[in-house]
Amino acid sequence: MTDARRPRSVYGVGEDPDPRFSLANERTALAAIRTSLAVIAGGVATAALVQLDVLPGALRTIAVVLCLLGGLMALGGLRRWRRVERALRLREPLPAPELLGPAALVVAAVAVGVIVLVVWFAL
């Protein structure tokens, strides 16, 4: 079936895999989107704290990093969905995650930054 809304780079190759695998792949992509929205919401909440006039530069930087990370995670989720769906259709090994390590490092760095800010203002 030809459908202009379906990406040819994914659906134009191979054969239909077991629907359970495609649906699991879709659920994983949607989880990445939900996570990216949560990270962006954290960035927006951090940006709101800038109005407290407590280290506005640091908080603004954390907010921007979180919003950028959320956007990258959403795009990464889409890219991963495409790569996995294509691999399923071609009966190839599944690709390794690309953004998992960098995203974890950025989240850990933001966590350390927030901890430093909390400790700094607790003194």
N, C-alpha and C. Protein backbone atom coordinates (compact mmCIF):
# COMPACT_ATOMS: atom_id res chain seq x y z
N MET A 1 0.84 -1.18 0.00
CA MET A 1 0.00 0.00 0.00
C MET A 1 0.88 1.24 0.00
N THR A 2 0.64 2.16 -0.92
CA THR A 2 1.40 3.39 -1.00
C THR A 2 0.66 4.49 -0.26
N ASP A 3 1.37 5.14 0.61
CA ASP A 3 0.79 6.22 1.40
C ASP A 3 1.83 7.33 1.49
N ALA A 4 1.49 8.51 1.04
CA ALA A 4 2.43 9.63 1.01
C ALA A 4 2.88 10.03 2.42
N ARG A 5 2.10 9.68 3.44
CA ARG A 5 2.45 10.07 4.81
C ARG A 5 3.49 9.14 5.42
N ARG A 6 3.68 7.97 4.85
CA ARG A 6 4.62 7.00 5.40
C ARG A 6 6.00 7.24 4.79
N PRO A 7 7.04 7.38 5.61
CA PRO A 7 8.37 7.66 5.06
C PRO A 7 8.88 6.48 4.23
N ARG A 8 9.24 6.77 2.99
CA ARG A 8 9.75 5.73 2.10
C ARG A 8 11.06 5.14 2.60
N SER A 9 11.86 5.98 3.27
CA SER A 9 13.15 5.48 3.76
C SER A 9 12.96 4.33 4.75
N VAL A 10 11.78 4.25 5.36
CA VAL A 10 11.48 3.18 6.32
C VAL A 10 10.63 2.11 5.66
N TYR A 11 9.50 2.52 5.09
CA TYR A 11 8.53 1.56 4.60
C TYR A 11 8.77 1.13 3.16
N GLY A 12 9.72 1.75 2.48
CA GLY A 12 9.99 1.40 1.10
C GLY A 12 10.96 0.25 0.93
N VAL A 13 11.36 -0.37 2.04
CA VAL A 13 12.33 -1.47 1.97
C VAL A 13 11.79 -2.68 2.73
N GLY A 14 12.32 -3.83 2.40
CA GLY A 14 12.03 -5.05 3.15
C GLY A 14 10.58 -5.44 3.15
N GLU A 15 10.22 -6.18 4.20
CA GLU A 15 8.86 -6.67 4.35
C GLU A 15 8.35 -6.33 5.73
N ASP A 16 7.04 -6.38 5.88
CA ASP A 16 6.44 -6.04 7.17
C ASP A 16 6.90 -7.02 8.25
N PRO A 17 7.44 -6.50 9.36
CA PRO A 17 7.80 -7.38 10.47
C PRO A 17 6.56 -7.75 11.29
N ASP A 18 6.76 -8.57 12.27
CA ASP A 18 5.69 -8.90 13.21
C ASP A 18 5.18 -7.59 13.81
N PRO A 19 3.88 -7.35 13.76
CA PRO A 19 3.34 -6.07 14.27
C PRO A 19 3.72 -5.78 15.71
N ARG A 20 3.92 -6.80 16.51
CA ARG A 20 4.30 -6.57 17.91
C ARG A 20 5.63 -5.84 18.01
N PHE A 21 6.56 -6.16 17.11
CA PHE A 21 7.86 -5.49 17.14
C PHE A 21 7.74 -4.03 16.70
N SER A 22 6.95 -3.79 15.66
CA SER A 22 6.75 -2.40 15.22
C SER A 22 6.05 -1.58 16.29
N LEU A 23 5.06 -2.18 16.95
CA LEU A 23 4.35 -1.46 18.01
C LEU A 23 5.26 -1.20 19.20
N ALA A 24 6.11 -2.15 19.54
CA ALA A 24 7.07 -1.93 20.64
C ALA A 24 8.04 -0.81 20.28
N ASN A 25 8.47 -0.78 19.03
CA ASN A 25 9.36 0.27 18.57
C ASN A 25 8.66 1.63 18.66
N GLU A 26 7.40 1.67 18.29
CA GLU A 26 6.63 2.92 18.38
C GLU A 26 6.48 3.36 19.84
N ARG A 27 6.20 2.43 20.74
CA ARG A 27 6.08 2.77 22.17
C ARG A 27 7.39 3.34 22.70
N THR A 28 8.50 2.78 22.26
CA THR A 28 9.81 3.29 22.70
C THR A 28 10.02 4.71 22.19
N ALA A 29 9.64 4.97 20.94
CA ALA A 29 9.78 6.32 20.38
C ALA A 29 8.89 7.31 21.14
N LEU A 30 7.67 6.89 21.47
CA LEU A 30 6.78 7.76 22.23
C LEU A 30 7.31 8.01 23.64
N ALA A 31 7.97 7.02 24.23
CA ALA A 31 8.59 7.22 25.55
C ALA A 31 9.70 8.27 25.45
N ALA A 32 10.46 8.25 24.36
CA ALA A 32 11.50 9.26 24.17
C ALA A 32 10.88 10.65 24.05
N ILE A 33 9.75 10.74 23.36
CA ILE A 33 9.07 12.03 23.23
C ILE A 33 8.57 12.51 24.59
N ARG A 34 7.98 11.61 25.38
CA ARG A 34 7.50 11.99 26.72
C ARG A 34 8.66 12.45 27.59
N THR A 35 9.76 11.74 27.52
CA THR A 35 10.93 12.12 28.32
C THR A 35 11.46 13.47 27.88
N SER A 36 11.51 13.70 26.57
CA SER A 36 12.00 14.99 26.09
C SER A 36 11.09 16.13 26.55
N LEU A 37 9.78 15.88 26.56
CA LEU A 37 8.86 16.91 27.07
C LEU A 37 9.10 17.18 28.55
N ALA A 38 9.39 16.15 29.32
CA ALA A 38 9.67 16.34 30.75
C ALA A 38 10.95 17.14 30.95
N VAL A 39 11.97 16.87 30.13
CA VAL A 39 13.23 17.61 30.24
C VAL A 39 13.01 19.07 29.85
N ILE A 40 12.23 19.30 28.81
CA ILE A 40 11.92 20.68 28.42
C ILE A 40 11.13 21.38 29.52
N ALA A 41 10.18 20.68 30.14
CA ALA A 41 9.41 21.26 31.25
C ALA A 41 10.35 21.64 32.40
N GLY A 42 11.36 20.80 32.65
CA GLY A 42 12.35 21.14 33.67
C GLY A 42 13.11 22.40 33.30
N GLY A 43 13.41 22.56 32.00
CA GLY A 43 14.08 23.78 31.54
C GLY A 43 13.21 25.00 31.71
N VAL A 44 11.92 24.86 31.41
CA VAL A 44 10.99 25.98 31.58
C VAL A 44 10.86 26.34 33.06
N ALA A 45 10.77 25.33 33.92
CA ALA A 45 10.67 25.59 35.37
C ALA A 45 11.94 26.27 35.87
N THR A 46 13.08 25.85 35.38
CA THR A 46 14.34 26.48 35.77
C THR A 46 14.38 27.92 35.29
N ALA A 47 13.90 28.15 34.08
CA ALA A 47 13.88 29.52 33.55
C ALA A 47 12.99 30.41 34.43
N ALA A 48 11.91 29.86 34.97
CA ALA A 48 11.03 30.64 35.84
C ALA A 48 11.75 31.06 37.12
N LEU A 49 12.71 30.26 37.57
CA LEU A 49 13.47 30.59 38.78
C LEU A 49 14.40 31.78 38.58
N VAL A 50 14.71 32.10 37.33
CA VAL A 50 15.59 33.24 37.05
C VAL A 50 15.02 34.52 37.65
N GLN A 51 13.72 34.60 37.76
CA GLN A 51 13.08 35.80 38.29
C GLN A 51 13.34 35.98 39.79
N LEU A 52 13.89 34.97 40.45
CA LEU A 52 14.21 35.10 41.87
C LEU A 52 15.49 35.90 42.10
N ASP A 53 16.17 36.25 41.01
CA ASP A 53 17.43 37.00 41.09
C ASP A 53 18.51 36.28 41.88
N VAL A 54 18.48 34.95 41.84
CA VAL A 54 19.50 34.14 42.50
C VAL A 54 20.28 33.44 41.40
N LEU A 55 21.49 33.91 41.15
CA LEU A 55 22.33 33.38 40.08
C LEU A 55 21.57 33.25 38.76
N PRO A 56 21.03 34.34 38.26
CA PRO A 56 20.22 34.25 37.04
C PRO A 56 21.00 33.70 35.85
N GLY A 57 22.28 34.00 35.75
CA GLY A 57 23.08 33.49 34.63
C GLY A 57 23.19 31.97 34.66
N ALA A 58 23.46 31.42 35.83
CA ALA A 58 23.61 29.97 35.96
C ALA A 58 22.27 29.27 35.71
N LEU A 59 21.22 29.81 36.27
CA LEU A 59 19.90 29.20 36.07
C LEU A 59 19.46 29.29 34.61
N ARG A 60 19.75 30.41 33.98
CA ARG A 60 19.40 30.58 32.57
C ARG A 60 20.17 29.56 31.72
N THR A 61 21.44 29.35 32.05
CA THR A 61 22.25 28.38 31.32
C THR A 61 21.70 26.97 31.49
N ILE A 62 21.34 26.61 32.72
CA ILE A 62 20.76 25.29 32.98
C ILE A 62 19.45 25.14 32.21
N ALA A 63 18.64 26.18 32.20
CA ALA A 63 17.36 26.13 31.48
C ALA A 63 17.57 25.91 29.99
N VAL A 64 18.51 26.63 29.42
CA VAL A 64 18.79 26.50 27.98
C VAL A 64 19.32 25.10 27.68
N VAL A 65 20.23 24.60 28.51
CA VAL A 65 20.78 23.26 28.29
C VAL A 65 19.67 22.21 28.35
N LEU A 66 18.78 22.33 29.34
CA LEU A 66 17.69 21.36 29.45
C LEU A 66 16.75 21.43 28.25
N CYS A 67 16.42 22.62 27.81
CA CYS A 67 15.52 22.74 26.65
C CYS A 67 16.19 22.20 25.38
N LEU A 68 17.46 22.50 25.19
CA LEU A 68 18.19 21.94 24.04
C LEU A 68 18.26 20.42 24.11
N LEU A 69 18.55 19.90 25.30
CA LEU A 69 18.62 18.46 25.48
C LEU A 69 17.27 17.82 25.17
N GLY A 70 16.20 18.43 25.64
CA GLY A 70 14.86 17.90 25.35
C GLY A 70 14.58 17.85 23.86
N GLY A 71 14.94 18.90 23.16
CA GLY A 71 14.75 18.92 21.71
C GLY A 71 15.58 17.86 21.01
N LEU A 72 16.82 17.73 21.43
CA LEU A 72 17.69 16.69 20.84
C LEU A 72 17.17 15.29 21.13
N MET A 73 16.63 15.10 22.33
CA MET A 73 16.10 13.79 22.67
C MET A 73 14.88 13.45 21.80
N ALA A 74 14.05 14.43 21.53
CA ALA A 74 12.89 14.20 20.66
C ALA A 74 13.35 13.81 19.26
N LEU A 75 14.30 14.55 18.72
CA LEU A 75 14.82 14.22 17.40
C LEU A 75 15.53 12.88 17.39
N GLY A 76 16.26 12.60 18.47
CA GLY A 76 16.93 11.30 18.58
C GLY A 76 15.95 10.15 18.65
N GLY A 77 14.83 10.36 19.34
CA GLY A 77 13.80 9.33 19.41
C GLY A 77 13.22 9.01 18.04
N LEU A 78 13.00 10.06 17.24
CA LEU A 78 12.50 9.86 15.88
C LEU A 78 13.52 9.13 15.03
N ARG A 79 14.77 9.57 15.13
CA ARG A 79 15.84 8.93 14.34
C ARG A 79 15.98 7.46 14.72
N ARG A 80 15.93 7.18 16.01
CA ARG A 80 16.06 5.79 16.46
C ARG A 80 14.88 4.95 15.97
N TRP A 81 13.67 5.51 16.05
CA TRP A 81 12.50 4.78 15.55
C TRP A 81 12.70 4.39 14.09
N ARG A 82 13.15 5.36 13.27
CA ARG A 82 13.36 5.08 11.85
C ARG A 82 14.40 3.98 11.65
N ARG A 83 15.51 4.09 12.37
CA ARG A 83 16.59 3.11 12.20
C ARG A 83 16.15 1.72 12.63
N VAL A 84 15.44 1.61 13.75
CA VAL A 84 14.99 0.31 14.24
C VAL A 84 13.93 -0.27 13.32
N GLU A 85 12.98 0.56 12.90
CA GLU A 85 11.91 0.06 12.02
C GLU A 85 12.50 -0.45 10.70
N ARG A 86 13.45 0.27 10.18
CA ARG A 86 14.11 -0.16 8.93
C ARG A 86 14.85 -1.48 9.15
N ALA A 87 15.56 -1.59 10.26
CA ALA A 87 16.29 -2.83 10.56
C ALA A 87 15.32 -4.00 10.72
N LEU A 88 14.18 -3.76 11.37
CA LEU A 88 13.18 -4.82 11.52
C LEU A 88 12.67 -5.27 10.15
N ARG A 89 12.41 -4.32 9.27
CA ARG A 89 11.88 -4.66 7.95
C ARG A 89 12.89 -5.42 7.11
N LEU A 90 14.18 -5.13 7.31
CA LEU A 90 15.23 -5.79 6.54
C LEU A 90 15.80 -7.02 7.26
N ARG A 91 15.26 -7.31 8.44
CA ARG A 91 15.74 -8.42 9.26
C ARG A 91 17.24 -8.31 9.55
N GLU A 92 17.64 -7.10 9.89
CA GLU A 92 19.03 -6.81 10.24
C GLU A 92 19.14 -6.66 11.76
N PRO A 93 20.37 -6.72 12.29
CA PRO A 93 20.53 -6.48 13.73
C PRO A 93 20.06 -5.06 14.08
N LEU A 94 19.51 -4.90 15.27
CA LEU A 94 19.04 -3.59 15.70
C LEU A 94 20.23 -2.67 15.96
N PRO A 95 20.11 -1.40 15.59
CA PRO A 95 21.21 -0.45 15.80
C PRO A 95 21.38 -0.11 17.28
N ALA A 96 22.60 0.21 17.63
CA ALA A 96 22.89 0.62 19.01
C ALA A 96 22.34 2.02 19.25
N PRO A 97 21.95 2.32 20.49
CA PRO A 97 21.47 3.69 20.78
C PRO A 97 22.61 4.69 20.63
N GLU A 98 22.29 5.85 20.06
CA GLU A 98 23.31 6.88 19.83
C GLU A 98 23.30 7.97 20.88
N LEU A 99 22.13 8.37 21.33
CA LEU A 99 22.03 9.51 22.24
C LEU A 99 21.98 9.13 23.71
N LEU A 100 21.93 7.86 24.01
CA LEU A 100 21.79 7.44 25.40
C LEU A 100 22.95 7.94 26.26
N GLY A 101 24.16 7.69 25.84
CA GLY A 101 25.34 8.12 26.60
C GLY A 101 25.44 9.63 26.74
N PRO A 102 25.41 10.36 25.61
CA PRO A 102 25.49 11.83 25.74
C PRO A 102 24.35 12.43 26.56
N ALA A 103 23.14 11.91 26.41
CA ALA A 103 22.01 12.45 27.18
C ALA A 103 22.22 12.20 28.67
N ALA A 104 22.69 11.01 29.01
CA ALA A 104 22.94 10.69 30.42
C ALA A 104 24.03 11.60 30.99
N LEU A 105 25.06 11.87 30.22
CA LEU A 105 26.14 12.75 30.69
C LEU A 105 25.64 14.18 30.92
N VAL A 106 24.82 14.68 30.00
CA VAL A 106 24.31 16.05 30.16
C VAL A 106 23.38 16.13 31.37
N VAL A 107 22.51 15.14 31.52
CA VAL A 107 21.61 15.15 32.68
C VAL A 107 22.42 15.07 33.97
N ALA A 108 23.45 14.23 34.00
CA ALA A 108 24.30 14.13 35.19
C ALA A 108 25.01 15.46 35.46
N ALA A 109 25.49 16.12 34.41
CA ALA A 109 26.18 17.40 34.58
C ALA A 109 25.21 18.46 35.11
N VAL A 110 23.98 18.47 34.59
CA VAL A 110 22.98 19.43 35.08
C VAL A 110 22.66 19.12 36.54
N ALA A 111 22.56 17.84 36.89
CA ALA A 111 22.29 17.47 38.28
C ALA A 111 23.40 17.97 39.20
N VAL A 112 24.64 17.81 38.79
CA VAL A 112 25.77 18.30 39.59
C VAL A 112 25.69 19.82 39.71
N GLY A 113 25.36 20.50 38.62
CA GLY A 113 25.21 21.96 38.67
C GLY A 113 24.14 22.40 39.64
N VAL A 114 23.02 21.71 39.63
CA VAL A 114 21.93 22.04 40.57
C VAL A 114 22.36 21.76 42.00
N ILE A 115 23.02 20.64 42.22
CA ILE A 115 23.51 20.32 43.58
C ILE A 115 24.47 21.40 44.07
N VAL A 116 25.38 21.84 43.21
CA VAL A 116 26.31 22.90 43.59
C VAL A 116 25.54 24.17 43.95
N LEU A 117 24.53 24.52 43.17
CA LEU A 117 23.74 25.71 43.49
C LEU A 117 23.01 25.57 44.82
N VAL A 118 22.44 24.40 45.07
CA VAL A 118 21.72 24.18 46.33
C VAL A 118 22.67 24.28 47.51
N VAL A 119 23.82 23.62 47.40
CA VAL A 119 24.81 23.66 48.50
C VAL A 119 25.33 25.08 48.68
N TRP A 120 25.58 25.78 47.59
CA TRP A 120 26.10 27.15 47.65
C TRP A 120 25.14 28.06 48.42
N PHE A 121 23.86 27.91 48.18
CA PHE A 121 22.89 28.78 48.85
C PHE A 121 22.48 28.27 50.22
N ALA A 122 22.87 27.04 50.56
CA ALA A 122 22.56 26.52 51.89
C ALA A 122 23.60 27.00 52.91
N LEU A 123 24.74 27.48 52.43
CA LEU A 123 25.80 27.93 53.34
C LEU A 123 25.53 29.30 53.91
